[in-house]
PDB file of N, CA and C in Angstrom:
ATOM      1  N   MET A   1     -10.931  -1.389  -7.877  1.00  0.00           N
ATOM      2  CA  MET A   1     -11.504  -1.622  -6.679  1.00  0.00           C
ATOM      3  C   MET A   1     -12.289  -0.600  -5.792  1.00  0.00           C
ATOM      4  N   ASP A   2     -13.276  -0.968  -5.370  1.00  0.00           N
ATOM      5  CA  ASP A   2     -14.310   0.266  -4.616  1.00  0.00           C
ATOM      6  C   ASP A   2     -13.307   1.098  -3.617  1.00  0.00           C
ATOM      7  N   ILE A   3     -14.123   2.422  -3.616  1.00  0.00           N
ATOM      8  CA  ILE A   3     -13.483   2.845  -2.131  1.00  0.00           C
ATOM      9  C   ILE A   3     -13.767   2.048  -0.789  1.00  0.00           C
ATOM     10  N   GLY A   4     -14.549   1.485  -0.873  1.00  0.00           N
ATOM     11  CA  GLY A   4     -14.913   0.189   0.633  1.00  0.00           C
ATOM     12  C   GLY A   4     -14.007  -0.292   0.406  1.00  0.00           C
ATOM     13  N   THR A   5     -13.487  -1.252  -0.450  1.00  0.00           N
ATOM     14  CA  THR A   5     -12.531  -2.594  -0.476  1.00  0.00           C
ATOM     15  C   THR A   5     -11.347  -1.682   0.178  1.00  0.00           C
ATOM     16  N   GLU A   6     -10.784  -0.487  -0.521  1.00  0.00           N
ATOM     17  CA  GLU A   6      -9.602   0.101  -0.110  1.00  0.00           C
ATOM     18  C   GLU A   6      -9.325   0.628   1.239  1.00  0.00           C
ATOM     19  N   LEU A   7     -10.406   1.345   1.614  1.00  0.00           N
ATOM     20  CA  LEU A   7     -10.710   1.522   3.494  1.00  0.00           C
ATOM     21  C   LEU A   7     -10.546   0.708   3.830  1.00  0.00           C
ATOM     22  N   ALA A   8     -11.068  -0.169   3.680  1.00  0.00           N
ATOM     23  CA  ALA A   8     -11.139  -1.867   4.580  1.00  0.00           C
ATOM     24  C   ALA A   8      -9.653  -1.937   4.832  1.00  0.00           C
ATOM     25  N   ILE A   9      -9.134  -2.522   3.829  1.00  0.00           N
ATOM     26  CA  ILE A   9      -7.436  -2.927   4.002  1.00  0.00           C
ATOM     27  C   ILE A   9      -6.657  -1.791   4.184  1.00  0.00           C
ATOM     28  N   ARG A  10      -7.014  -0.838   4.104  1.00  0.00           N
ATOM     29  CA  ARG A  10      -6.329   0.313   4.959  1.00  0.00           C
ATOM     30  C   ARG A  10      -6.393   0.347   6.464  1.00  0.00           C
ATOM     31  N   ALA A  11      -7.454   0.182   6.630  1.00  0.00           N
ATOM     32  CA  ALA A  11      -7.785  -0.008   8.244  1.00  0.00           C
ATOM     33  C   ALA A  11      -7.101  -0.932   8.872  1.00  0.00           C
ATOM     34  N   VAL A  12      -7.435  -2.234   8.280  1.00  0.00           N
ATOM     35  CA  VAL A  12      -6.949  -3.103   8.929  1.00  0.00           C
ATOM     36  C   VAL A  12      -5.125  -3.288   9.087  1.00  0.00           C
ATOM     37  N   ILE A  13      -4.356  -2.690   7.781  1.00  0.00           N
ATOM     38  CA  ILE A  13      -3.243  -2.521   7.882  1.00  0.00           C
ATOM     39  C   ILE A  13      -3.087  -1.599   9.189  1.00  0.00           C
ATOM     40  N   THR A  14      -3.308  -0.685   9.522  1.00  0.00           N
ATOM     41  CA  THR A  14      -3.241   0.274  10.441  1.00  0.00           C
ATOM     42  C   THR A  14      -3.609  -0.072  11.223  1.00  0.00           C
ATOM     43  N   GLY A  15      -4.766  -0.593  11.383  1.00  0.00           N
ATOM     44  CA  GLY A  15      -5.001  -1.334  13.286  1.00  0.00           C
ATOM     45  C   GLY A  15      -3.944  -2.420  13.545  1.00  0.00           C
ATOM     46  N   LEU A  16      -3.184  -3.191  12.517  1.00  0.00           N
ATOM     47  CA  LEU A  16      -2.142  -4.226  13.033  1.00  0.00           C
ATOM     48  C   LEU A  16      -0.956  -3.345  13.363  1.00  0.00           C
ATOM     49  N   TYR A  17      -0.874  -2.437  12.588  1.00  0.00           N
ATOM     50  CA  TYR A  17       0.264  -1.417  12.834  1.00  0.00           C
ATOM     51  C   TYR A  17       0.418  -0.883  14.448  1.00  0.00           C
ATOM     52  N   SER A  18      -0.750  -0.461  14.693  1.00  0.00           N
ATOM     53  CA  SER A  18      -1.181   0.945  15.508  1.00  0.00           C
ATOM     54  C   SER A  18      -1.166  -0.402  17.152  1.00  0.00           C
ATOM     55  N   SER A  19      -1.437  -1.554  16.221  1.00  0.00           N
ATOM     56  CA  SER A  19      -1.359  -2.512  17.670  1.00  0.00           C
ATOM     57  C   SER A  19      -0.399  -3.139  18.076  1.00  0.00           C
ATOM     58  N   GLY A  20       1.051  -2.780  17.180  1.00  0.00           N
ATOM     59  CA  GLY A  20       2.087  -3.802  17.448  1.00  0.00           C
ATOM     60  C   GLY A  20       2.063  -5.023  16.765  1.00  0.00           C
ATOM     61  N   ALA A  21       0.867  -5.415  16.412  1.00  0.00           N
ATOM     62  CA  ALA A  21       0.928  -6.921  15.562  1.00  0.00           C
ATOM     63  C   ALA A  21       1.694  -6.754  14.278  1.00  0.00           C
ATOM     64  N   VAL A  22       2.191  -5.854  13.586  1.00  0.00           N
ATOM     65  CA  VAL A  22       3.053  -5.587  12.536  1.00  0.00           C
ATOM     66  C   VAL A  22       3.939  -4.426  12.585  1.00  0.00           C
ATOM     67  N   THR A  23       4.999  -5.074  12.593  1.00  0.00           N
ATOM     68  CA  THR A  23       5.945  -3.957  12.787  1.00  0.00           C
ATOM     69  C   THR A  23       6.333  -3.018  11.412  1.00  0.00           C
ATOM     70  N   THR A  24       7.265  -2.147  11.762  1.00  0.00           N
ATOM     71  CA  THR A  24       7.580  -0.935  10.634  1.00  0.00           C
ATOM     72  C   THR A  24       8.022  -1.624   9.029  1.00  0.00           C
ATOM     73  N   ASP A  25       8.924  -2.732   9.400  1.00  0.00           N
ATOM     74  CA  ASP A  25       9.849  -3.003   8.324  1.00  0.00           C
ATOM     75  C   ASP A  25       8.561  -4.145   7.410  1.00  0.00           C
ATOM     76  N   GLN A  26       7.587  -4.329   8.259  1.00  0.00           N
ATOM     77  CA  GLN A  26       6.464  -5.222   7.719  1.00  0.00           C
ATOM     78  C   GLN A  26       5.826  -4.510   7.039  1.00  0.00           C
ATOM     79  N   VAL A  27       4.922  -3.074   7.364  1.00  0.00           N
ATOM     80  CA  VAL A  27       4.411  -1.937   6.483  1.00  0.00           C
ATOM     81  C   VAL A  27       5.062  -1.678   5.435  1.00  0.00           C
ATOM     82  N   ARG A  28       6.296  -1.285   5.586  1.00  0.00           N
ATOM     83  CA  ARG A  28       7.396  -1.091   4.379  1.00  0.00           C
ATOM     84  C   ARG A  28       7.269  -2.411   3.334  1.00  0.00           C
ATOM     85  N   ALA A  29       7.358  -3.788   3.906  1.00  0.00           N
ATOM     86  CA  ALA A  29       7.196  -4.495   2.993  1.00  0.00           C
ATOM     87  C   ALA A  29       6.297  -4.594   2.267  1.00  0.00           C
ATOM     88  N   ILE A  30       4.861  -4.249   2.998  1.00  0.00           N
ATOM     89  CA  ILE A  30       3.689  -4.610   2.105  1.00  0.00           C
ATOM     90  C   ILE A  30       3.260  -3.033   1.261  1.00  0.00           C
ATOM     91  N   MET A  31       4.246  -2.171   1.060  1.00  0.00           N
ATOM     92  CA  MET A  31       4.383  -1.243   0.496  1.00  0.00           C
ATOM     93  C   MET A  31       4.870  -1.082  -0.878  1.00  0.00           C
ATOM     94  N   THR A  32       6.007  -2.084  -0.383  1.00  0.00           N
ATOM     95  CA  THR A  32       6.998  -2.217  -1.418  1.00  0.00           C
ATOM     96  C   THR A  32       6.191  -3.839  -2.783  1.00  0.00           C
ATOM     97  N   SER A  33       5.715  -4.162  -1.932  1.00  0.00           N
ATOM     98  CA  SER A  33       4.939  -5.336  -2.756  1.00  0.00           C
ATOM     99  C   SER A  33       3.691  -4.532  -3.533  1.00  0.00           C
ATOM    100  N   LEU A  34       2.884  -3.919  -3.072  1.00  0.00           N
ATOM    101  CA  LEU A  34       1.988  -2.689  -3.751  1.00  0.00           C
ATOM    102  C   LEU A  34       2.765  -1.742  -5.065  1.00  0.00           C
ATOM    103  N   ASN A  35       3.890  -1.030  -4.634  1.00  0.00           N
ATOM    104  CA  ASN A  35       4.622  -0.822  -5.684  1.00  0.00           C
ATOM    105  C   ASN A  35       4.831  -1.522  -6.422  1.00  0.00           C
ATOM    106  N   GLU A  36       5.705  -2.975  -6.504  1.00  0.00           N
ATOM    107  CA  GLU A  36       5.793  -3.438  -7.540  1.00  0.00           C
ATOM    108  C   GLU A  36       4.805  -4.039  -8.172  1.00  0.00           C
ATOM    109  N   ALA A  37       3.486  -4.184  -7.720  1.00  0.00           N
ATOM    110  CA  ALA A  37       2.614  -4.594  -8.621  1.00  0.00           C
ATOM    111  C   ALA A  37       1.721  -3.731  -9.514  1.00  0.00           C
ATOM    112  N   ALA A  38       2.188  -2.592  -8.708  1.00  0.00           N
ATOM    113  CA  ALA A  38       1.874  -1.182  -9.401  1.00  0.00           C
ATOM    114  C   ALA A  38       2.614  -1.578 -11.044  1.00  0.00           C
ATOM    115  N   GLY A  39       3.590  -1.811 -11.149  1.00  0.00           N
ATOM    116  CA  GLY A  39       4.901  -1.300 -12.003  1.00  0.00           C
ATOM    117  C   GLY A  39       4.318  -2.727 -12.932  1.00  0.00           C
ATOM    118  N   ALA A  40       3.972  -3.659 -12.383  1.00  0.00           N
ATOM    119  CA  ALA A  40       3.567  -4.497 -13.081  1.00  0.00           C
ATOM    120  C   ALA A  40       2.401  -4.759 -14.091  1.00  0.00           C
ATOM    121  N   ALA A  41       1.533  -3.870 -13.379  1.00  0.00           N
ATOM    122  CA  ALA A  41       0.100  -3.791 -14.019  1.00  0.00           C
ATOM    123  C   ALA A  41       0.420  -2.614 -14.965  1.00  0.00           C
ATOM    124  N   LEU A  42       1.552  -2.137 -14.771  1.00  0.00           N
ATOM    125  CA  LEU A  42       1.739  -1.171 -16.043  1.00  0.00           C
ATOM    126  C   LEU A  42       2.417  -1.873 -17.227  1.00  0.00           C
ATOM    127  N   GLU A  43       3.006  -2.681 -16.847  1.00  0.00           N
ATOM    128  CA  GLU A  43       3.652  -3.365 -17.942  1.00  0.00           C
ATOM    129  C   GLU A  43       2.816  -4.350 -18.793  1.00  0.00           C
ATOM    130  N   ARG A  44       1.802  -4.356 -17.734  1.00  0.00           N
ATOM    131  CA  ARG A  44       0.445  -5.063 -18.834  1.00  0.00           C
ATOM    132  C   ARG A  44      -0.721  -4.228 -19.140  1.00  0.00           C
ATOM    133  N   ARG A  45      -0.280  -2.935 -19.276  1.00  0.00           N
ATOM    134  CA  ARG A  45      -1.016  -1.748 -19.728  1.00  0.00           C
ATOM    135  C   ARG A  45      -2.404  -1.801 -19.086  1.00  0.00           C
ATOM    136  N   GLU A  46      -2.289  -2.154 -17.834  1.00  0.00           N
ATOM    137  CA  GLU A  46      -3.447  -1.762 -16.788  1.00  0.00           C
ATOM    138  C   GLU A  46      -3.394  -0.607 -16.005  1.00  0.00           C
ATOM    139  N   ALA A  47      -3.078   0.382 -16.549  1.00  0.00           N
ATOM    140  CA  ALA A  47      -2.983   1.854 -15.765  1.00  0.00           C
ATOM    141  C   ALA A  47      -4.256   2.053 -14.852  1.00  0.00           C
ATOM    142  N   ASN A  48      -5.196   1.561 -14.965  1.00  0.00           N
ATOM    143  CA  ASN A  48      -6.394   2.022 -13.648  1.00  0.00           C
ATOM    144  C   ASN A  48      -6.085   0.798 -12.868  1.00  0.00           C
ATOM    145  N   SER A  49      -5.607  -0.085 -12.663  1.00  0.00           N
ATOM    146  CA  SER A  49      -5.136  -1.091 -11.422  1.00  0.00           C
ATOM    147  C   SER A  49      -3.728  -0.638 -11.089  1.00  0.00           C
ATOM    148  N   SER A  50      -3.073  -0.093 -12.028  1.00  0.00           N
ATOM    149  CA  SER A  50      -1.476   0.707 -11.283  1.00  0.00           C
ATOM    150  C   SER A  50      -2.279   1.843 -10.471  1.00  0.00           C
ATOM    151  N   LYS A  51      -3.053   2.845 -11.000  1.00  0.00           N
ATOM    152  CA  LYS A  51      -3.488   3.846 -10.315  1.00  0.00           C
ATOM    153  C   LYS A  51      -4.357   3.439  -9.029  1.00  0.00           C
ATOM    154  N   GLU A  52      -4.823   2.675  -9.005  1.00  0.00           N
ATOM    155  CA  GLU A  52      -5.648   2.224  -7.616  1.00  0.00           C
ATOM    156  C   GLU A  52      -4.593   1.482  -6.687  1.00  0.00           C
ATOM    157  N   LEU A  53      -3.393   0.742  -7.131  1.00  0.00           N
ATOM    158  CA  LEU A  53      -2.384  -0.066  -6.675  1.00  0.00           C
ATOM    159  C   LEU A  53      -1.532   1.314  -5.791  1.00  0.00           C
ATOM    160  N   THR A  54      -1.409   1.988  -6.340  1.00  0.00           N
ATOM    161  CA  THR A  54      -0.441   3.011  -6.090  1.00  0.00           C
ATOM    162  C   THR A  54      -1.208   4.073  -4.907  1.00  0.00           C
ATOM    163  N   LYS A  55      -2.300   4.455  -5.285  1.00  0.00           N
ATOM    164  CA  LYS A  55      -3.100   5.099  -4.003  1.00  0.00           C
ATOM    165  C   LYS A  55      -3.390   4.476  -2.736  1.00  0.00           C
ATOM    166  N   LEU A  56      -3.614   2.630  -2.647  1.00  0.00           N
ATOM    167  CA  LEU A  56      -3.802   2.198  -1.767  1.00  0.00           C
ATOM    168  C   LEU A  56      -2.285   2.337  -1.299  1.00  0.00           C
ATOM    169  N   ARG A  57      -1.458   2.146  -1.396  1.00  0.00           N
ATOM    170  CA  ARG A  57       0.046   2.238  -0.881  1.00  0.00           C
ATOM    171  C   ARG A  57       0.083   3.713  -0.390  1.00  0.00           C
ATOM    172  N   LYS A  58      -0.233   4.752  -1.037  1.00  0.00           N
ATOM    173  CA  LYS A  58      -0.107   5.893  -0.775  1.00  0.00           C
ATOM    174  C   LYS A  58      -1.285   6.150   0.535  1.00  0.00           C
ATOM    175  N   GLY A  59      -1.974   5.484   0.944  1.00  0.00           N
ATOM    176  CA  GLY A  59      -3.040   5.418   1.835  1.00  0.00           C
ATOM    177  C   GLY A  59      -2.934   4.933   3.177  1.00  0.00           C
ATOM    178  N   ILE A  60      -1.787   3.917   2.622  1.00  0.00           N
ATOM    179  CA  ILE A  60      -1.244   3.113   3.900  1.00  0.00           C
ATOM    180  C   ILE A  60       0.029   4.350   4.527  1.00  0.00           C
ATOM    181  N   HIS A  61       0.470   4.569   3.620  1.00  0.00           N
ATOM    182  CA  HIS A  61       1.667   5.475   4.164  1.00  0.00           C
ATOM    183  C   HIS A  61       1.219   6.579   5.086  1.00  0.00           C
ATOM    184  N   LEU A  62      -0.115   7.388   4.287  1.00  0.00           N
ATOM    185  CA  LEU A  62      -0.807   8.169   5.110  1.00  0.00           C
ATOM    186  C   LEU A  62      -1.275   7.976   6.568  1.00  0.00           C
ATOM    187  N   ASP A  63      -1.613   6.833   6.610  1.00  0.00           N
ATOM    188  CA  ASP A  63      -2.425   6.566   7.564  1.00  0.00           C
ATOM    189  C   ASP A  63      -1.121   6.135   8.614  1.00  0.00           C
ATOM    190  N   THR A  64      -0.135   5.587   8.077  1.00  0.00           N
ATOM    191  CA  THR A  64       0.389   4.855   9.069  1.00  0.00           C
ATOM    192  C   THR A  64       1.521   5.832   9.107  1.00  0.00           C
ATOM    193  N   ALA A  65       1.979   6.811   8.377  1.00  0.00           N
ATOM    194  CA  ALA A  65       3.375   7.420   8.663  1.00  0.00           C
ATOM    195  C   ALA A  65       4.499   6.650   8.572  1.00  0.00           C
ATOM    196  N   VAL A  66       4.495   5.302   8.166  1.00  0.00           N
ATOM    197  CA  VAL A  66       5.549   4.600   7.953  1.00  0.00           C
ATOM    198  C   VAL A  66       6.226   5.145   6.607  1.00  0.00           C
ATOM    199  N   SER A  67       7.310   5.801   6.324  1.00  0.00           N
ATOM    200  CA  SER A  67       7.820   6.019   5.136  1.00  0.00           C
ATOM    201  C   SER A  67       8.371   4.540   4.119  1.00  0.00           C
ATOM    202  N   PRO A  68       7.941   4.751   2.994  1.00  0.00           N
ATOM    203  CA  PRO A  68       8.155   3.946   1.930  1.00  0.00           C
ATOM    204  C   PRO A  68       9.982   3.528   1.749  1.00  0.00           C
ATOM    205  N   SER A  69       9.977   2.090   1.202  1.00  0.00           N
ATOM    206  CA  SER A  69      11.868   1.723   1.096  1.00  0.00           C
ATOM    207  C   SER A  69      12.256   3.208   0.395  1.00  0.00           C
ATOM    208  N   PRO A  70      13.223   3.400   0.774  1.00  0.00           N
ATOM    209  CA  PRO A  70      13.999   4.109  -0.396  1.00  0.00           C
ATOM    210  C   PRO A  70      13.662   3.263  -2.446  1.00  0.00           C
ATOM    211  N   GLY A  71      13.498   4.499  -3.049  1.00  0.00           N
ATOM    212  CA  GLY A  71      13.064   3.878  -3.950  1.00  0.00           C
ATOM    213  C   GLY A  71      12.077   3.629  -4.563  1.00  0.00           C
ATOM    214  N   ASP A  72      10.759   3.356  -3.464  1.00  0.00           N
ATOM    215  CA  ASP A  72       9.160   3.300  -3.521  1.00  0.00           C
ATOM    216  C   ASP A  72       8.870   4.680  -3.589  1.00  0.00           C
ATOM    217  N   SER A  73       8.973   5.464  -3.781  1.00  0.00           N
ATOM    218  CA  SER A  73       8.228   6.928  -3.652  1.00  0.00           C
ATOM    219  C   SER A  73       7.944   7.267  -4.901  1.00  0.00           C
TER     220      SER A  73
END
């Protein structure tokens, strides 16, 4: 994933969250899904994809200040 795509995804999620269109629980669910996808990528030996998904999840956390679900850290 290129940086433009990552930033666009982060901007959309942050905008939806800050406008109230999505809730804290929904942002957490997105981060959990990204964490699970990163794990699946590792199982398929796609380390770069896993790193990109993890970076995206961490970026969403930084942008929204929503803490990940327990076990997602």
